[in-house]
C-alpha cells in the first residue's frame, strides 16, 4: 500500500524525499501548488517569483509544517 499525501494524491515512490527542487512562478497557480505538494512529499523546495510577499508567506507556511523551503524573489522574464 502506498502512502497518501495531505491533499489526497497517491504517492507511488519516495525518491523525491530529500531532493532539491527549483520552481519558478511559485507565488500562485501551478507553481504554488507544486511547491506545496513536493514539500509535503519531503522535497526541499527552492522557489521564485516576482511577488516577494507571497513567496515569504508560502515559505513560512511550508517551514511551519516542518518542510525545508527557500524563497527567492526573481523575474525569469528578464534577460541578462
Protein backbone atom coordinates (compact mmCIF):
# COMPACT_ATOMS: atom_id res chain seq x y z
CA UNK A 1 0.00 0.00 0.00
CA UNK A 2 1.36 3.40 -0.98
CA UNK A 3 1.03 6.42 1.30
CA UNK A 4 -1.34 9.27 0.51
CA UNK A 5 -0.19 12.87 0.84
CA UNK A 6 -2.14 15.56 2.74
CA UNK A 7 -4.19 16.55 -0.31
CA UNK A 8 -5.09 13.00 -1.29
CA UNK A 9 -2.62 12.27 -4.09
CA UNK A 10 -1.33 8.70 -4.13
CA UNK A 11 2.45 8.60 -3.76
CA UNK A 12 3.93 5.78 -5.82
CA UNK A 13 7.56 6.40 -4.91
CA UNK A 14 9.54 8.11 -2.18
CA UNK A 15 12.51 9.05 -4.36
CA UNK A 16 11.65 12.79 -4.18
CA UNK A 17 12.22 12.87 -0.43
CA UNK A 18 15.29 14.94 0.45
CA UNK A 19 15.89 16.08 -3.14
CA UNK A 20 16.17 19.77 -4.00
CA UNK A 21 13.50 21.04 -6.41
CA UNK A 22 13.62 24.51 -8.01
CA UNK A 23 10.26 26.02 -9.00
CA UNK A 24 9.59 29.28 -10.85
CA UNK A 25 6.25 31.05 -10.72
CA UNK A 26 5.61 29.83 -7.18
CA UNK A 27 3.63 32.83 -5.95
CA UNK A 28 0.38 31.42 -7.39
CA UNK A 29 -1.23 28.76 -9.54
CA UNK A 30 0.63 25.63 -10.59
CA UNK A 31 3.97 26.78 -9.18
CA UNK A 32 2.47 27.36 -5.74
CA UNK A 33 0.61 24.03 -5.85
CA UNK A 34 3.78 22.20 -6.94
CA UNK A 35 5.76 23.76 -4.08
CA UNK A 36 3.14 22.66 -1.54
CA UNK A 37 2.85 19.14 -2.95
CA UNK A 38 6.57 18.49 -3.32
CA UNK A 39 7.25 19.87 0.15
CA UNK A 40 4.58 17.56 1.57
CA UNK A 41 6.34 14.68 -0.18
CA UNK A 42 9.60 15.60 1.57
CA UNK A 43 11.43 17.55 -1.11
CA UNK A 44 13.50 20.60 -0.24
CA UNK A 45 11.96 23.36 -2.32
CA UNK A 46 13.61 26.49 -3.64
CA UNK A 47 11.09 28.68 -5.35
CA UNK A 48 11.00 32.02 -7.04
CA UNK A 49 8.63 34.60 -8.48
CA UNK A 50 8.27 38.36 -8.64
CA UNK A 51 5.91 38.75 -5.66
CA UNK A 52 8.13 38.74 -2.57
CA UNK A 53 5.31 38.91 -0.01
CA UNK A 54 3.55 35.84 -1.42
CA UNK A 55 6.82 33.91 -1.58
CA UNK A 56 7.63 34.72 2.04
CA UNK A 57 4.15 33.67 3.11
CA UNK A 58 4.49 30.35 1.27
CA UNK A 59 7.97 29.71 2.68
CA UNK A 60 6.70 30.45 6.20
CA UNK A 61 3.77 28.08 5.68
CA UNK A 62 5.92 25.21 4.40
CA UNK A 63 8.63 25.56 7.03
CA UNK A 64 5.93 25.86 9.70
CA UNK A 65 4.75 22.41 8.61
CA UNK A 66 8.26 21.03 9.02
CA UNK A 67 9.37 21.39 5.41
CA UNK A 68 12.55 22.90 4.03
CA UNK A 69 11.85 25.91 1.81
CA UNK A 70 13.77 28.89 0.47
CA UNK A 71 12.08 31.77 -1.36
CA UNK A 72 13.97 33.90 -3.88
CA UNK A 73 12.42 36.97 -5.45
CA UNK A 74 13.23 36.77 -9.14
CA UNK A 75 11.92 37.61 -12.59
CA UNK A 76 12.80 34.92 -15.12
CA UNK A 77 11.45 37.01 -17.98
CA UNK A 78 14.40 39.42 -17.76
CA UNK A 79 17.38 38.52 -19.90
CA UNK A 80 20.92 39.13 -18.76
